[in-house]
Amino acid sequence: MKLGYPCMNYTIGCKISTFKLQSFSEERLVDSITTNLNNLEKILLYNKENGFGFLRVSSDLIPFASHSIMNIDWSKKFKDHFEKIGDIIKENNFRISFHPGQFVLINSPKIDIFEATVRELEYHVKMLDLMNLDTTAKIQIHVGGVYGDMEAAKSRFIDRYHSLDQKIKNHLVIENDEKSFSLQDCLDIHSETNIPIIFDNLHHEVKNNGETLTEAMQLVQPTWTSKDGVPMVDYSSQQENSVAGKHCDTIDLTHFEGYLSEILNQFDVDIMFEIKDKELSALQALKLI
């Protein structure tokens, strides 16, 4: 079981450097990418020292990578740095994932949005290739929108998925969400695509079909094969006095202990803590385990 957190580290002050489109220049782009890769390297070294084996890498590592404004061959310019980072990941047996933003919509009825989605996924695959990572490194997405017709939305996702390049499919995974696509909807899609499912416990608490945590995990685990690696799961609990499905600011250790007691001796999973204070809560969880 590997524990991880997403994108940045407050303890060592490593955040992602971004800028607005109107401020785009080659100099600013190179500076931002250099900062981001250096910070990613520092986070990986922090994780090594503190016992974390799982990291979600920011999709903003290369600002505007899939945008038409991109005017340099960033993959060539930063090839050596990516390889160095990949070596650190492999030497320490770290698990890596990405989670592109909500604008990545495979099942959008608008073809231009789907085409932009493909470009964004190609960018993520390029980063994984530059780091020489295998198919256990994953790109996590939501199924997308319902657009007034759930069955049509699922069918469109399935059809579009089959049209993707195999290199994208090798890394792609979907997760259940709290508004539209329940675990059962994701299983319907898996039955037609074999795409692995990341199980999100908080989303499942909000939207489900009556499955207990154990039952849900039993359904999800077979969607992952040996080439996909150990199943990834997202963990969080509900933020008090907020809308249903909002991630907590800091870990509720009582809730997490209950979660652990149900899965620990039954399932081998890598846990991503989707909690606002990131490594601070993950450190508490690691201590509890």
C-alpha atoms as a PDB file:
ATOM      1  CA  MET A   1       0.000   0.000   0.000  1.00  0.00           C
ATOM      2  CA  LYS A   2       1.447   3.313  -1.135  1.00  0.00           C
ATOM      3  CA  LEU A   3       0.114   6.640   0.126  1.00  0.00           C
ATOM      4  CA  GLY A   4       0.217   9.874  -1.814  1.00  0.00           C
ATOM      5  CA  TYR A   5      -1.081  13.408  -2.252  1.00  0.00           C
ATOM      6  CA  PRO A   6      -1.634  15.683  -5.254  1.00  0.00           C
ATOM      7  CA  CYS A   7       0.552  18.116  -7.123  1.00  0.00           C
ATOM      8  CA  MET A   8       2.258  20.349  -4.549  1.00  0.00           C
ATOM      9  CA  ASN A   9       3.910  20.285  -1.144  1.00  0.00           C
ATOM     10  CA  TYR A  10       3.306  22.958   1.499  1.00  0.00           C
ATOM     11  CA  THR A  11       6.040  21.780   3.854  1.00  0.00           C
ATOM     12  CA  ILE A  12       8.862  22.513   1.422  1.00  0.00           C
ATOM     13  CA  GLY A  13       7.036  25.280  -0.431  1.00  0.00           C
ATOM     14  CA  CYS A  14       6.866  23.594  -3.837  1.00  0.00           C
ATOM     15  CA  LYS A  15       3.977  24.844  -5.950  1.00  0.00           C
ATOM     16  CA  ILE A  16       3.257  24.918  -9.672  1.00  0.00           C
ATOM     17  CA  SER A  17       4.351  27.986 -11.616  1.00  0.00           C
ATOM     18  CA  THR A  18       1.703  29.177 -14.063  1.00  0.00           C
ATOM     19  CA  PHE A  19       0.821  32.407 -15.853  1.00  0.00           C
ATOM     20  CA  LYS A  20      -1.986  33.866 -17.953  1.00  0.00           C
ATOM     21  CA  LEU A  21      -2.182  33.392 -21.692  1.00  0.00           C
ATOM     22  CA  GLN A  22      -1.746  37.110 -22.366  1.00  0.00           C
ATOM     23  CA  SER A  23       1.593  36.968 -20.520  1.00  0.00           C
ATOM     24  CA  PHE A  24       2.937  34.198 -22.740  1.00  0.00           C
ATOM     25  CA  SER A  25       6.533  34.479 -23.883  1.00  0.00           C
ATOM     26  CA  GLU A  26       9.191  31.875 -24.569  1.00  0.00           C
ATOM     27  CA  GLU A  27      11.301  33.213 -21.715  1.00  0.00           C
ATOM     28  CA  ARG A  28       8.444  33.007 -19.221  1.00  0.00           C
ATOM     29  CA  LEU A  29       7.502  29.557 -20.455  1.00  0.00           C
ATOM     30  CA  VAL A  30      11.028  28.194 -20.045  1.00  0.00           C
ATOM     31  CA  ASP A  31      11.323  29.746 -16.582  1.00  0.00           C
ATOM     32  CA  SER A  32       8.023  28.192 -15.475  1.00  0.00           C
ATOM     33  CA  ILE A  33       8.850  24.739 -16.823  1.00  0.00           C
ATOM     34  CA  THR A  34      12.291  24.823 -15.206  1.00  0.00           C
ATOM     35  CA  THR A  35      10.767  25.824 -11.861  1.00  0.00           C
ATOM     36  CA  ASN A  36       8.092  23.145 -12.112  1.00  0.00           C
ATOM     37  CA  LEU A  37      10.506  20.335 -12.951  1.00  0.00           C
ATOM     38  CA  ASN A  38      12.870  21.401 -10.165  1.00  0.00           C
ATOM     39  CA  ASN A  39       9.977  21.472  -7.694  1.00  0.00           C
ATOM     40  CA  LEU A  40       8.751  18.057  -8.853  1.00  0.00           C
ATOM     41  CA  GLU A  41      12.217  16.666  -8.218  1.00  0.00           C
ATOM     42  CA  LYS A  42      12.242  18.199  -4.716  1.00  0.00           C
ATOM     43  CA  ILE A  43       8.805  16.716  -3.942  1.00  0.00           C
ATOM     44  CA  LEU A  44       9.940  13.261  -5.021  1.00  0.00           C
ATOM     45  CA  LEU A  45      12.985  13.503  -2.775  1.00  0.00           C
ATOM     46  CA  TYR A  46      10.785  14.685   0.111  1.00  0.00           C
ATOM     47  CA  ASN A  47       8.505  11.699  -0.495  1.00  0.00           C
ATOM     48  CA  LYS A  48      11.478   9.346  -0.402  1.00  0.00           C
ATOM     49  CA  GLU A  49      12.578  10.747   2.948  1.00  0.00           C
ATOM     50  CA  ASN A  50       9.082  10.637   4.452  1.00  0.00           C
ATOM     51  CA  GLY A  51       7.766   7.282   3.270  1.00  0.00           C
ATOM     52  CA  PHE A  52       5.364   8.311   0.502  1.00  0.00           C
ATOM     53  CA  GLY A  53       5.276   6.066  -2.557  1.00  0.00           C
ATOM     54  CA  PHE A  54       2.511   7.710  -4.590  1.00  0.00           C
ATOM     55  CA  LEU A  55       2.306  11.161  -6.192  1.00  0.00           C
ATOM     56  CA  ARG A  56      -0.196  12.866  -8.465  1.00  0.00           C
ATOM     57  CA  VAL A  57       1.850  15.109 -10.730  1.00  0.00           C
ATOM     58  CA  SER A  58       0.317  18.426 -11.768  1.00  0.00           C
ATOM     59  CA  SER A  59      -1.115  18.611 -15.275  1.00  0.00           C
ATOM     60  CA  ASP A  60       0.201  22.193 -15.387  1.00  0.00           C
ATOM     61  CA  LEU A  61       3.815  21.036 -15.377  1.00  0.00           C
ATOM     62  CA  ILE A  62       4.137  22.418 -18.925  1.00  0.00           C
ATOM     63  CA  PRO A  63       1.908  25.510 -19.188  1.00  0.00           C
ATOM     64  CA  PHE A  64      -0.161  25.649 -22.400  1.00  0.00           C
ATOM     65  CA  ALA A  65       1.380  22.391 -23.645  1.00  0.00           C
ATOM     66  CA  SER A  66      -1.667  21.452 -25.738  1.00  0.00           C
ATOM     67  CA  HIS A  67      -2.517  25.039 -26.740  1.00  0.00           C
ATOM     68  CA  SER A  68      -1.887  26.367 -30.235  1.00  0.00           C
ATOM     69  CA  ILE A  69       0.256  29.151 -28.745  1.00  0.00           C
ATOM     70  CA  MET A  70       2.970  26.664 -27.778  1.00  0.00           C
ATOM     71  CA  ASN A  71       5.946  27.653 -29.937  1.00  0.00           C
ATOM     72  CA  ILE A  72       8.858  25.608 -28.616  1.00  0.00           C
ATOM     73  CA  ASP A  73       9.659  21.915 -28.635  1.00  0.00           C
ATOM     74  CA  TRP A  74       9.511  21.572 -24.851  1.00  0.00           C
ATOM     75  CA  SER A  75       9.898  17.796 -24.968  1.00  0.00           C
ATOM     76  CA  LYS A  76      13.244  18.118 -26.726  1.00  0.00           C
ATOM     77  CA  LYS A  77      14.450  21.055 -24.618  1.00  0.00           C
ATOM     78  CA  PHE A  78      13.654  19.346 -21.296  1.00  0.00           C
ATOM     79  CA  LYS A  79      14.265  15.729 -22.324  1.00  0.00           C
ATOM     80  CA  ASP A  80      17.234  15.239 -19.986  1.00  0.00           C
ATOM     81  CA  HIS A  81      15.413  16.673 -16.977  1.00  0.00           C
ATOM     82  CA  PHE A  82      12.385  14.456 -17.567  1.00  0.00           C
ATOM     83  CA  GLU A  83      14.664  11.418 -17.848  1.00  0.00           C
ATOM     84  CA  LYS A  84      16.346  12.347 -14.551  1.00  0.00           C
ATOM     85  CA  ILE A  85      12.955  12.619 -12.845  1.00  0.00           C
ATOM     86  CA  GLY A  86      11.894   9.310 -14.373  1.00  0.00           C
ATOM     87  CA  ASP A  87      15.033   7.683 -13.007  1.00  0.00           C
ATOM     88  CA  ILE A  88      14.195   8.930  -9.491  1.00  0.00           C
ATOM     89  CA  ILE A  89      10.663   7.546  -9.836  1.00  0.00           C
ATOM     90  CA  LYS A  90      11.821   4.123 -11.020  1.00  0.00           C
ATOM     91  CA  GLU A  91      14.733   3.793  -8.594  1.00  0.00           C
ATOM     92  CA  ASN A  92      12.359   4.366  -5.674  1.00  0.00           C
ATOM     93  CA  ASN A  93       9.438   2.378  -7.111  1.00  0.00           C
ATOM     94  CA  PHE A  94       7.169   5.416  -6.889  1.00  0.00           C
ATOM     95  CA  ARG A  95       3.640   5.304  -8.310  1.00  0.00           C
ATOM     96  CA  ILE A  96       2.669   8.252 -10.525  1.00  0.00           C
ATOM     97  CA  SER A  97      -0.643   9.588 -11.790  1.00  0.00           C
ATOM     98  CA  PHE A  98      -2.057  12.657 -13.524  1.00  0.00           C
ATOM     99  CA  HIS A  99      -5.576  14.097 -13.230  1.00  0.00           C
ATOM    100  CA  PRO A 100      -6.302  16.562 -16.074  1.00  0.00           C
ATOM    101  CA  GLY A 101      -8.937  19.235 -15.472  1.00  0.00           C
ATOM    102  CA  GLN A 102     -12.690  19.157 -15.987  1.00  0.00           C
ATOM    103  CA  PHE A 103     -12.354  20.444 -19.559  1.00  0.00           C
ATOM    104  CA  VAL A 104     -11.070  16.993 -20.608  1.00  0.00           C
ATOM    105  CA  LEU A 105     -14.338  15.536 -21.921  1.00  0.00           C
ATOM    106  CA  ILE A 106     -14.147  12.439 -24.077  1.00  0.00           C
ATOM    107  CA  ASN A 107     -17.932  12.220 -24.354  1.00  0.00           C
ATOM    108  CA  SER A 108     -18.660  15.844 -25.245  1.00  0.00           C
ATOM    109  CA  PRO A 109     -21.171  16.152 -28.118  1.00  0.00           C
ATOM    110  CA  LYS A 110     -18.938  18.918 -29.512  1.00  0.00           C
ATOM    111  CA  ILE A 111     -16.222  17.479 -31.719  1.00  0.00           C
ATOM    112  CA  ASP A 112     -13.870  20.408 -31.140  1.00  0.00           C
ATOM    113  CA  ILE A 113     -13.937  19.740 -27.381  1.00  0.00           C
ATOM    114  CA  PHE A 114     -13.184  16.066 -28.007  1.00  0.00           C
ATOM    115  CA  GLU A 115     -10.294  17.004 -30.303  1.00  0.00           C
ATOM    116  CA  ALA A 116      -8.896  19.356 -27.658  1.00  0.00           C
ATOM    117  CA  THR A 117      -9.280  16.528 -25.122  1.00  0.00           C
ATOM    118  CA  VAL A 118      -7.228  14.208 -27.320  1.00  0.00           C
ATOM    119  CA  ARG A 119      -4.461  16.818 -27.601  1.00  0.00           C
ATOM    120  CA  GLU A 120      -4.408  17.189 -23.821  1.00  0.00           C
ATOM    121  CA  LEU A 121      -4.216  13.429 -23.305  1.00  0.00           C
ATOM    122  CA  GLU A 122      -1.416  13.192 -25.870  1.00  0.00           C
ATOM    123  CA  TYR A 123       0.508  15.804 -23.867  1.00  0.00           C
ATOM    124  CA  HIS A 124       0.194  13.730 -20.707  1.00  0.00           C
ATOM    125  CA  VAL A 125       1.308  10.564 -22.493  1.00  0.00           C
ATOM    126  CA  LYS A 126       4.319  12.449 -23.860  1.00  0.00           C
ATOM    127  CA  MET A 127       5.383  13.366 -20.308  1.00  0.00           C
ATOM    128  CA  LEU A 128       5.057   9.741 -19.191  1.00  0.00           C
ATOM    129  CA  ASP A 129       7.078   8.610 -22.210  1.00  0.00           C
ATOM    130  CA  LEU A 130       9.792  11.175 -21.495  1.00  0.00           C
ATOM    131  CA  MET A 131      10.067   9.773 -17.967  1.00  0.00           C
ATOM    132  CA  ASN A 132      10.136   6.233 -19.420  1.00  0.00           C
ATOM    133  CA  LEU A 133       7.288   5.115 -17.151  1.00  0.00           C
ATOM    134  CA  ASP A 134       5.266   1.974 -17.766  1.00  0.00           C
ATOM    135  CA  THR A 135       1.504   1.421 -17.922  1.00  0.00           C
ATOM    136  CA  THR A 136       1.107   1.396 -14.129  1.00  0.00           C
ATOM    137  CA  ALA A 137       1.379   5.210 -14.347  1.00  0.00           C
ATOM    138  CA  LYS A 138      -2.133   6.481 -14.964  1.00  0.00           C
ATOM    139  CA  ILE A 139      -4.037   9.455 -16.371  1.00  0.00           C
ATOM    140  CA  GLN A 140      -7.244   9.807 -14.364  1.00  0.00           C
ATOM    141  CA  ILE A 141     -10.351  11.414 -15.852  1.00  0.00           C
ATOM    142  CA  HIS A 142     -14.054  11.730 -15.158  1.00  0.00           C
ATOM    143  CA  VAL A 143     -16.464  10.146 -17.614  1.00  0.00           C
ATOM    144  CA  GLY A 144     -17.792  13.602 -18.531  1.00  0.00           C
ATOM    145  CA  GLY A 145     -21.239  15.110 -18.878  1.00  0.00           C
ATOM    146  CA  VAL A 146     -24.668  13.513 -19.165  1.00  0.00           C
ATOM    147  CA  TYR A 147     -25.929  16.097 -21.683  1.00  0.00           C
ATOM    148  CA  GLY A 148     -29.566  15.131 -21.051  1.00  0.00           C
ATOM    149  CA  ASP A 149     -29.197  11.461 -21.959  1.00  0.00           C
ATOM    150  CA  MET A 150     -27.211   9.167 -19.659  1.00  0.00           C
ATOM    151  CA  GLU A 151     -27.185   6.116 -21.953  1.00  0.00           C
ATOM    152  CA  ALA A 152     -26.161   8.176 -24.978  1.00  0.00           C
ATOM    153  CA  ALA A 153     -23.416   9.828 -22.911  1.00  0.00           C
ATOM    154  CA  LYS A 154     -22.021   6.444 -21.861  1.00  0.00           C
ATOM    155  CA  SER A 155     -22.234   5.084 -25.408  1.00  0.00           C
ATOM    156  CA  ARG A 156     -20.449   8.142 -26.791  1.00  0.00           C
ATOM    157  CA  PHE A 157     -17.659   7.703 -24.236  1.00  0.00           C
ATOM    158  CA  ILE A 158     -17.281   4.058 -25.234  1.00  0.00           C
ATOM    159  CA  ASP A 159     -17.197   4.841 -28.961  1.00  0.00           C
ATOM    160  CA  ARG A 160     -14.717   7.691 -28.497  1.00  0.00           C
ATOM    161  CA  TYR A 161     -12.525   5.602 -26.215  1.00  0.00           C
ATOM    162  CA  HIS A 162     -12.185   2.941 -28.891  1.00  0.00           C
ATOM    163  CA  SER A 163     -11.007   5.609 -31.340  1.00  0.00           C
ATOM    164  CA  LEU A 164      -8.110   6.712 -29.110  1.00  0.00           C
ATOM    165  CA  ASP A 165      -4.505   5.802 -29.788  1.00  0.00           C
ATOM    166  CA  GLN A 166      -3.407   2.713 -27.877  1.00  0.00           C
ATOM    167  CA  LYS A 167      -0.717   4.709 -26.051  1.00  0.00           C
ATOM    168  CA  ILE A 168      -3.456   6.841 -24.488  1.00  0.00           C
ATOM    169  CA  LYS A 169      -5.622   3.829 -23.645  1.00  0.00           C
ATOM    170  CA  ASN A 170      -2.664   2.146 -21.931  1.00  0.00           C
ATOM    171  CA  HIS A 171      -2.635   4.895 -19.278  1.00  0.00           C
ATOM    172  CA  LEU A 172      -6.260   6.048 -19.073  1.00  0.00           C
ATOM    173  CA  VAL A 173      -8.508   5.353 -16.055  1.00  0.00           C
ATOM    174  CA  ILE A 174     -11.930   6.695 -15.024  1.00  0.00           C
ATOM    175  CA  GLU A 175     -13.397   7.470 -11.610  1.00  0.00           C
ATOM    176  CA  ASN A 176     -16.899   7.540 -10.211  1.00  0.00           C
ATOM    177  CA  ASP A 177     -18.201  11.015  -9.419  1.00  0.00           C
ATOM    178  CA  GLU A 178     -20.720  12.472  -6.996  1.00  0.00           C
ATOM    179  CA  LYS A 179     -23.098  14.064  -9.526  1.00  0.00           C
ATOM    180  CA  SER A 180     -23.509  12.006 -12.692  1.00  0.00           C
ATOM    181  CA  PHE A 181     -21.617   8.748 -13.097  1.00  0.00           C
ATOM    182  CA  SER A 182     -21.854   6.308 -10.226  1.00  0.00           C
ATOM    183  CA  LEU A 183     -19.642   3.284  -9.750  1.00  0.00           C
ATOM    184  CA  GLN A 184     -22.218   1.182 -11.613  1.00  0.00           C
ATOM    185  CA  ASP A 185     -22.118   3.580 -14.580  1.00  0.00           C
ATOM    186  CA  CYS A 186     -18.326   3.256 -14.640  1.00  0.00           C
ATOM    187  CA  LEU A 187     -18.656  -0.541 -14.525  1.00  0.00           C
ATOM    188  CA  ASP A 188     -21.010  -0.376 -17.518  1.00  0.00           C
ATOM    189  CA  ILE A 189     -18.315   1.513 -19.418  1.00  0.00           C
ATOM    190  CA  HIS A 190     -15.607  -0.877 -18.223  1.00  0.00           C
ATOM    191  CA  SER A 191     -17.583  -3.851 -19.576  1.00  0.00           C
ATOM    192  CA  GLU A 192     -17.263  -2.361 -23.079  1.00  0.00           C
ATOM    193  CA  THR A 193     -13.747  -0.936 -22.843  1.00  0.00           C
ATOM    194  CA  ASN A 194     -11.787  -2.744 -20.091  1.00  0.00           C
ATOM    195  CA  ILE A 195     -10.778   0.678 -18.756  1.00  0.00           C
ATOM    196  CA  PRO A 196      -9.714   0.479 -15.071  1.00  0.00           C
ATOM    197  CA  ILE A 197     -11.809   2.304 -12.473  1.00  0.00           C
ATOM    198  CA  ILE A 198     -10.447   4.477  -9.676  1.00  0.00           C
ATOM    199  CA  PHE A 199     -12.821   4.238  -6.737  1.00  0.00           C
ATOM    200  CA  ASP A 200     -13.520   7.496  -4.888  1.00  0.00           C
ATOM    201  CA  ASN A 201     -15.090   6.789  -1.491  1.00  0.00           C
ATOM    202  CA  LEU A 202     -16.425  10.318  -0.930  1.00  0.00           C
ATOM    203  CA  HIS A 203     -18.099  10.470  -4.330  1.00  0.00           C
ATOM    204  CA  HIS A 204     -19.549   7.030  -3.635  1.00  0.00           C
ATOM    205  CA  GLU A 205     -20.981   8.173  -0.310  1.00  0.00           C
ATOM    206  CA  VAL A 206     -22.904  10.867  -2.202  1.00  0.00           C
ATOM    207  CA  LYS A 207     -23.924   8.859  -5.303  1.00  0.00           C
ATOM    208  CA  ASN A 208     -24.226   5.084  -5.218  1.00  0.00           C
ATOM    209  CA  ASN A 209     -26.515   2.141  -5.821  1.00  0.00           C
ATOM    210  CA  GLY A 210     -26.444   0.836  -2.275  1.00  0.00           C
ATOM    211  CA  GLU A 211     -23.019  -0.829  -2.410  1.00  0.00           C
ATOM    212  CA  THR A 212     -21.041  -0.909   0.824  1.00  0.00           C
ATOM    213  CA  LEU A 213     -17.382   0.104   0.752  1.00  0.00           C
ATOM    214  CA  THR A 214     -16.331  -3.559   0.717  1.00  0.00           C
ATOM    215  CA  GLU A 215     -18.786  -4.419  -2.055  1.00  0.00           C
ATOM    216  CA  ALA A 216     -17.622  -1.440  -4.119  1.00  0.00           C
ATOM    217  CA  MET A 217     -13.975  -2.436  -3.736  1.00  0.00           C
ATOM    218  CA  GLN A 218     -14.802  -6.014  -4.728  1.00  0.00           C
ATOM    219  CA  LEU A 219     -16.380  -4.681  -7.922  1.00  0.00           C
ATOM    220  CA  VAL A 220     -13.527  -2.311  -8.739  1.00  0.00           C
ATOM    221  CA  GLN A 221     -10.531  -4.544  -8.088  1.00  0.00           C
ATOM    222  CA  PRO A 222     -11.014  -6.872 -11.117  1.00  0.00           C
ATOM    223  CA  THR A 223     -11.020  -3.868 -13.470  1.00  0.00           C
ATOM    224  CA  TRP A 224      -7.254  -3.582 -12.857  1.00  0.00           C
ATOM    225  CA  THR A 225      -4.939  -6.077 -14.556  1.00  0.00           C
ATOM    226  CA  SER A 226      -1.273  -6.824 -13.953  1.00  0.00           C
ATOM    227  CA  LYS A 227      -0.215  -4.286 -16.594  1.00  0.00           C
ATOM    228  CA  ASP A 228      -2.213  -1.603 -14.749  1.00  0.00           C
ATOM    229  CA  GLY A 229      -0.625  -2.332 -11.388  1.00  0.00           C
ATOM    230  CA  VAL A 230      -2.234  -2.253  -7.966  1.00  0.00           C
ATOM    231  CA  PRO A 231      -5.614  -0.446  -8.020  1.00  0.00           C
ATOM    232  CA  MET A 232      -5.488   3.260  -7.230  1.00  0.00           C
ATOM    233  CA  VAL A 233      -8.184   4.732  -4.997  1.00  0.00           C
ATOM    234  CA  ASP A 234      -9.034   8.304  -4.000  1.00  0.00           C
ATOM    235  CA  TYR A 235      -9.718   8.961  -0.336  1.00  0.00           C
ATOM    236  CA  SER A 236     -11.348  11.898   1.411  1.00  0.00           C
ATOM    237  CA  SER A 237     -14.175  12.675   3.812  1.00  0.00           C
ATOM    238  CA  GLN A 238     -16.931  15.264   3.750  1.00  0.00           C
ATOM    239  CA  GLN A 239     -16.107  18.848   4.728  1.00  0.00           C
ATOM    240  CA  GLU A 240     -18.483  19.840   7.495  1.00  0.00           C
ATOM    241  CA  ASN A 241     -21.169  22.428   6.762  1.00  0.00           C
ATOM    242  CA  SER A 242     -20.507  22.351   3.043  1.00  0.00           C
ATOM    243  CA  VAL A 243     -22.071  20.990  -0.133  1.00  0.00           C
ATOM    244  CA  ALA A 244     -22.182  17.218  -0.455  1.00  0.00           C
ATOM    245  CA  GLY A 245     -19.004  15.842  -1.955  1.00  0.00           C
ATOM    246  CA  LYS A 246     -16.684  18.674  -0.953  1.00  0.00           C
ATOM    247  CA  HIS A 247     -13.313  17.354   0.193  1.00  0.00           C
ATOM    248  CA  CYS A 248     -12.311  18.044   3.765  1.00  0.00           C
ATOM    249  CA  ASP A 249      -9.658  20.631   4.600  1.00  0.00           C
ATOM    250  CA  THR A 250      -7.739  18.254   6.846  1.00  0.00           C
ATOM    251  CA  ILE A 251      -7.963  14.552   7.594  1.00  0.00           C
ATOM    252  CA  ASP A 252     -10.608  13.149   9.928  1.00  0.00           C
ATOM    253  CA  LEU A 253      -8.545  10.379  11.513  1.00  0.00           C
ATOM    254  CA  THR A 254     -11.604   8.648  12.974  1.00  0.00           C
ATOM    255  CA  HIS A 255     -13.187   8.439   9.525  1.00  0.00           C
ATOM    256  CA  PHE A 256      -9.929   7.256   7.960  1.00  0.00           C
ATOM    257  CA  GLU A 257      -9.450   4.616  10.658  1.00  0.00           C
ATOM    258  CA  GLY A 258     -12.918   3.265   9.856  1.00  0.00           C
ATOM    259  CA  TYR A 259     -12.071   3.240   6.152  1.00  0.00           C
ATOM    260  CA  LEU A 260      -8.824   1.382   6.831  1.00  0.00           C
ATOM    261  CA  SER A 261     -10.469  -1.188   9.085  1.00  0.00           C
ATOM    262  CA  GLU A 262     -12.770  -2.175   6.223  1.00  0.00           C
ATOM    263  CA  ILE A 263     -10.184  -2.421   3.429  1.00  0.00           C
ATOM    264  CA  LEU A 264      -6.776  -3.033   5.005  1.00  0.00           C
ATOM    265  CA  ASN A 265      -6.849  -6.818   5.272  1.00  0.00           C
ATOM    266  CA  GLN A 266      -8.920  -7.382   2.122  1.00  0.00           C
ATOM    267  CA  PHE A 267      -7.485  -5.231  -0.650  1.00  0.00           C
ATOM    268  CA  ASP A 268      -4.109  -4.112  -1.923  1.00  0.00           C
ATOM    269  CA  VAL A 269      -4.508  -0.507  -3.072  1.00  0.00           C
ATOM    270  CA  ASP A 270      -2.512   2.689  -3.475  1.00  0.00           C
ATOM    271  CA  ILE A 271      -4.301   5.582  -1.762  1.00  0.00           C
ATOM    272  CA  MET A 272      -4.388   9.150  -3.064  1.00  0.00           C
ATOM    273  CA  PHE A 273      -5.443  11.627  -0.365  1.00  0.00           C
ATOM    274  CA  GLU A 274      -7.683  14.228  -1.966  1.00  0.00           C
ATOM    275  CA  ILE A 275      -7.525  16.484   1.079  1.00  0.00           C
ATOM    276  CA  LYS A 276      -6.868  20.210   0.946  1.00  0.00           C
ATOM    277  CA  ASP A 277      -3.746  20.303   3.108  1.00  0.00           C
ATOM    278  CA  LYS A 278      -2.123  17.529   1.053  1.00  0.00           C
ATOM    279  CA  GLU A 279       1.063  16.077   2.585  1.00  0.00           C
ATOM    280  CA  LEU A 280       0.141  17.406   6.040  1.00  0.00           C
ATOM    281  CA  SER A 281      -2.857  15.077   6.237  1.00  0.00           C
ATOM    282  CA  ALA A 282      -1.028  12.313   4.391  1.00  0.00           C
ATOM    283  CA  LEU A 283       1.688  12.388   7.081  1.00  0.00           C
ATOM    284  CA  GLN A 284      -0.975  11.887   9.770  1.00  0.00           C
ATOM    285  CA  ALA A 285      -2.431   8.971   7.821  1.00  0.00           C
ATOM    286  CA  LEU A 286       0.983   7.404   7.405  1.00  0.00           C
ATOM    287  CA  LYS A 287       1.584   7.687  11.151  1.00  0.00           C
ATOM    288  CA  LEU A 288      -1.805   6.084  11.883  1.00  0.00           C
ATOM    289  CA  ILE A 289      -1.054   3.140   9.582  1.00  0.00           C
END
